[in-house]
Amino acid sequence: MSATRIRFPTMWANGAGGEACGIADFKLGKGPCGLTVSRLDYEVADGCLHILQQHADGPPKRFVYPLTTITGRIEADLP
């Protein structure tokens, strides 16, 4: 399914053997990596949230979040 923004609270490994919590926020336009996100697609399958970013100025990127790491509701703004 396509979206203009996807936002959810999640946990991830912090690199020091522990976990960190924060908000994952994906949206159209210029991202923190410097690439321009032109399309966002998402699906829930196999116990994970899959997010696919298409970029106007670079290769696509896929992000996979196990549902067990999502600590609240998933908000998706639809086009």
N, C-alpha and C. Protein backbone atom coordinates (compact mmCIF):
# COMPACT_ATOMS: atom_id res chain seq x y z
N MET A 1 0.85 -1.17 0.00
CA MET A 1 0.00 0.00 0.00
C MET A 1 0.90 1.24 0.00
N SER A 2 0.46 2.27 -0.68
CA SER A 2 1.24 3.49 -0.80
C SER A 2 0.88 4.48 0.32
N ALA A 3 1.84 5.28 0.74
CA ALA A 3 1.62 6.28 1.79
C ALA A 3 2.48 7.50 1.52
N THR A 4 2.10 8.63 2.12
CA THR A 4 2.92 9.83 2.04
C THR A 4 3.78 9.98 3.29
N ARG A 5 3.38 9.30 4.38
CA ARG A 5 4.17 9.31 5.61
C ARG A 5 3.83 8.07 6.43
N ILE A 6 4.84 7.47 7.06
CA ILE A 6 4.67 6.32 7.95
C ILE A 6 5.47 6.62 9.21
N ARG A 7 4.82 6.47 10.36
CA ARG A 7 5.46 6.85 11.64
C ARG A 7 5.04 5.84 12.70
N PHE A 8 6.03 5.39 13.52
CA PHE A 8 5.72 4.44 14.58
C PHE A 8 6.84 4.41 15.60
N PRO A 9 6.51 4.10 16.87
CA PRO A 9 7.54 3.95 17.90
C PRO A 9 8.16 2.56 17.80
N THR A 10 9.47 2.48 17.98
CA THR A 10 10.14 1.20 17.82
C THR A 10 11.39 1.12 18.70
N MET A 11 11.92 -0.08 18.83
CA MET A 11 13.18 -0.34 19.55
C MET A 11 14.19 -0.89 18.56
N TRP A 12 15.48 -0.63 18.79
CA TRP A 12 16.54 -1.19 17.96
C TRP A 12 17.79 -1.35 18.79
N ALA A 13 18.71 -2.18 18.32
CA ALA A 13 19.99 -2.38 19.01
C ALA A 13 20.80 -1.10 18.90
N ASN A 14 21.41 -0.67 20.00
CA ASN A 14 22.13 0.61 20.00
C ASN A 14 23.63 0.45 19.74
N GLY A 15 24.10 -0.75 19.50
CA GLY A 15 25.51 -0.94 19.20
C GLY A 15 26.38 -1.15 20.43
N ALA A 16 25.84 -0.89 21.61
CA ALA A 16 26.59 -1.08 22.86
C ALA A 16 26.05 -2.28 23.64
N GLY A 17 25.33 -3.15 22.93
CA GLY A 17 24.78 -4.34 23.57
C GLY A 17 23.43 -4.12 24.21
N GLY A 18 22.87 -2.93 24.07
CA GLY A 18 21.57 -2.63 24.65
C GLY A 18 20.57 -2.25 23.58
N GLU A 19 19.47 -1.69 24.01
CA GLU A 19 18.43 -1.27 23.09
C GLU A 19 18.12 0.21 23.28
N ALA A 20 17.71 0.84 22.21
CA ALA A 20 17.26 2.24 22.24
C ALA A 20 15.84 2.28 21.72
N CYS A 21 15.09 3.28 22.15
CA CYS A 21 13.72 3.47 21.69
C CYS A 21 13.63 4.82 20.99
N GLY A 22 12.75 4.89 20.03
CA GLY A 22 12.54 6.15 19.32
C GLY A 22 11.41 6.04 18.34
N ILE A 23 11.23 7.09 17.57
CA ILE A 23 10.18 7.14 16.55
C ILE A 23 10.82 6.96 15.18
N ALA A 24 10.35 5.96 14.45
CA ALA A 24 10.74 5.80 13.05
C ALA A 24 9.78 6.65 12.24
N ASP A 25 10.30 7.53 11.40
CA ASP A 25 9.47 8.46 10.65
C ASP A 25 9.94 8.49 9.20
N PHE A 26 9.11 7.97 8.32
CA PHE A 26 9.40 7.94 6.89
C PHE A 26 8.42 8.88 6.19
N LYS A 27 8.92 9.75 5.31
CA LYS A 27 8.03 10.66 4.59
C LYS A 27 8.61 11.00 3.23
N LEU A 28 7.75 11.53 2.37
CA LEU A 28 8.18 11.95 1.05
C LEU A 28 9.01 13.22 1.15
N GLY A 29 9.89 13.41 0.17
CA GLY A 29 10.73 14.60 0.13
C GLY A 29 12.16 14.30 0.54
N LYS A 30 12.91 15.32 0.82
CA LYS A 30 14.33 15.20 1.18
C LYS A 30 14.46 14.53 2.55
N GLY A 31 15.23 13.46 2.61
CA GLY A 31 15.41 12.73 3.85
C GLY A 31 16.72 13.07 4.54
N PRO A 32 16.92 12.55 5.76
CA PRO A 32 18.15 12.84 6.50
C PRO A 32 19.40 12.29 5.82
N CYS A 33 19.22 11.31 4.91
CA CYS A 33 20.38 10.76 4.20
C CYS A 33 20.76 11.61 3.00
N GLY A 34 19.95 12.64 2.69
CA GLY A 34 20.24 13.51 1.58
C GLY A 34 19.55 13.13 0.28
N LEU A 35 18.91 11.96 0.24
CA LEU A 35 18.19 11.54 -0.96
C LEU A 35 16.75 12.03 -0.90
N THR A 36 16.13 12.16 -2.06
CA THR A 36 14.75 12.61 -2.15
C THR A 36 13.83 11.41 -2.33
N VAL A 37 12.97 11.18 -1.34
CA VAL A 37 12.03 10.06 -1.38
C VAL A 37 10.86 10.46 -2.27
N SER A 38 10.64 9.70 -3.34
CA SER A 38 9.57 10.01 -4.28
C SER A 38 8.35 9.12 -4.09
N ARG A 39 8.51 7.99 -3.41
CA ARG A 39 7.39 7.07 -3.19
C ARG A 39 7.68 6.22 -1.96
N LEU A 40 6.63 5.98 -1.16
CA LEU A 40 6.71 5.10 0.01
C LEU A 40 5.65 4.01 -0.14
N ASP A 41 6.07 2.78 0.01
CA ASP A 41 5.14 1.65 0.02
C ASP A 41 5.39 0.84 1.28
N TYR A 42 4.33 0.22 1.80
CA TYR A 42 4.50 -0.60 3.00
C TYR A 42 3.56 -1.79 2.94
N GLU A 43 3.94 -2.82 3.67
CA GLU A 43 3.09 -3.99 3.85
C GLU A 43 3.48 -4.69 5.14
N VAL A 44 2.54 -5.41 5.71
CA VAL A 44 2.80 -6.25 6.87
C VAL A 44 2.74 -7.70 6.37
N ALA A 45 3.85 -8.41 6.53
CA ALA A 45 3.93 -9.80 6.08
C ALA A 45 4.98 -10.53 6.91
N ASP A 46 4.73 -11.79 7.17
CA ASP A 46 5.69 -12.65 7.88
C ASP A 46 6.11 -12.07 9.22
N GLY A 47 5.18 -11.41 9.91
CA GLY A 47 5.47 -10.87 11.24
C GLY A 47 6.33 -9.62 11.24
N CYS A 48 6.42 -8.95 10.08
CA CYS A 48 7.26 -7.75 9.97
C CYS A 48 6.52 -6.65 9.21
N LEU A 49 6.91 -5.41 9.51
CA LEU A 49 6.49 -4.27 8.71
C LEU A 49 7.60 -4.01 7.69
N HIS A 50 7.25 -4.05 6.42
CA HIS A 50 8.20 -3.82 5.33
C HIS A 50 7.92 -2.45 4.73
N ILE A 51 8.93 -1.60 4.63
CA ILE A 51 8.80 -0.27 4.04
C ILE A 51 9.78 -0.18 2.88
N LEU A 52 9.27 0.21 1.72
CA LEU A 52 10.10 0.38 0.54
C LEU A 52 10.09 1.85 0.16
N GLN A 53 11.28 2.45 0.11
CA GLN A 53 11.45 3.85 -0.30
C GLN A 53 11.99 3.87 -1.73
N GLN A 54 11.29 4.56 -2.60
CA GLN A 54 11.80 4.83 -3.95
C GLN A 54 12.39 6.23 -3.92
N HIS A 55 13.57 6.39 -4.52
CA HIS A 55 14.24 7.70 -4.52
C HIS A 55 14.29 8.28 -5.92
N ALA A 56 14.10 9.58 -6.02
CA ALA A 56 14.22 10.28 -7.30
C ALA A 56 15.68 10.37 -7.73
N ASP A 57 16.60 10.28 -6.77
CA ASP A 57 18.01 10.50 -7.06
C ASP A 57 18.93 9.40 -6.51
N GLY A 58 18.41 8.18 -6.45
CA GLY A 58 19.23 7.08 -5.95
C GLY A 58 18.47 5.77 -5.99
N PRO A 59 19.13 4.69 -5.58
CA PRO A 59 18.49 3.38 -5.61
C PRO A 59 17.42 3.26 -4.51
N PRO A 60 16.47 2.33 -4.69
CA PRO A 60 15.46 2.10 -3.66
C PRO A 60 16.08 1.48 -2.41
N LYS A 61 15.41 1.68 -1.27
CA LYS A 61 15.86 1.08 -0.01
C LYS A 61 14.68 0.39 0.65
N ARG A 62 14.93 -0.79 1.23
CA ARG A 62 13.90 -1.54 1.94
C ARG A 62 14.29 -1.59 3.42
N PHE A 63 13.31 -1.31 4.27
CA PHE A 63 13.49 -1.37 5.72
C PHE A 63 12.52 -2.41 6.26
N VAL A 64 13.00 -3.27 7.15
CA VAL A 64 12.17 -4.33 7.72
C VAL A 64 12.21 -4.21 9.24
N TYR A 65 11.03 -4.09 9.84
CA TYR A 65 10.89 -3.98 11.29
C TYR A 65 10.05 -5.15 11.79
N PRO A 66 10.62 -6.07 12.59
CA PRO A 66 9.79 -7.11 13.20
C PRO A 66 8.70 -6.45 14.05
N LEU A 67 7.49 -6.98 13.97
CA LEU A 67 6.39 -6.39 14.72
C LEU A 67 6.65 -6.41 16.22
N THR A 68 7.47 -7.33 16.70
CA THR A 68 7.79 -7.39 18.13
C THR A 68 8.63 -6.20 18.59
N THR A 69 9.23 -5.44 17.65
CA THR A 69 10.03 -4.27 18.01
C THR A 69 9.23 -2.97 17.93
N ILE A 70 8.01 -3.04 17.42
CA ILE A 70 7.15 -1.86 17.31
C ILE A 70 6.36 -1.75 18.60
N THR A 71 6.52 -0.62 19.29
CA THR A 71 6.01 -0.49 20.65
C THR A 71 4.73 0.34 20.77
N GLY A 72 4.09 0.63 19.67
CA GLY A 72 2.85 1.42 19.69
C GLY A 72 2.17 1.33 18.35
N ARG A 73 1.29 2.28 18.08
CA ARG A 73 0.53 2.21 16.83
C ARG A 73 1.33 2.71 15.65
N ILE A 74 0.99 2.17 14.49
CA ILE A 74 1.59 2.57 13.23
C ILE A 74 0.65 3.57 12.57
N GLU A 75 1.18 4.75 12.27
CA GLU A 75 0.39 5.78 11.60
C GLU A 75 0.85 5.88 10.14
N ALA A 76 -0.10 5.81 9.22
CA ALA A 76 0.21 5.94 7.80
C ALA A 76 -0.71 6.99 7.19
N ASP A 77 -0.13 8.03 6.60
CA ASP A 77 -0.91 9.03 5.88
C ASP A 77 -1.03 8.54 4.43
N LEU A 78 -2.25 8.38 3.98
CA LEU A 78 -2.48 7.86 2.64
C LEU A 78 -2.62 9.00 1.64
N PRO A 79 -2.21 8.74 0.38
CA PRO A 79 -2.31 9.80 -0.64
C PRO A 79 -3.76 10.14 -0.98
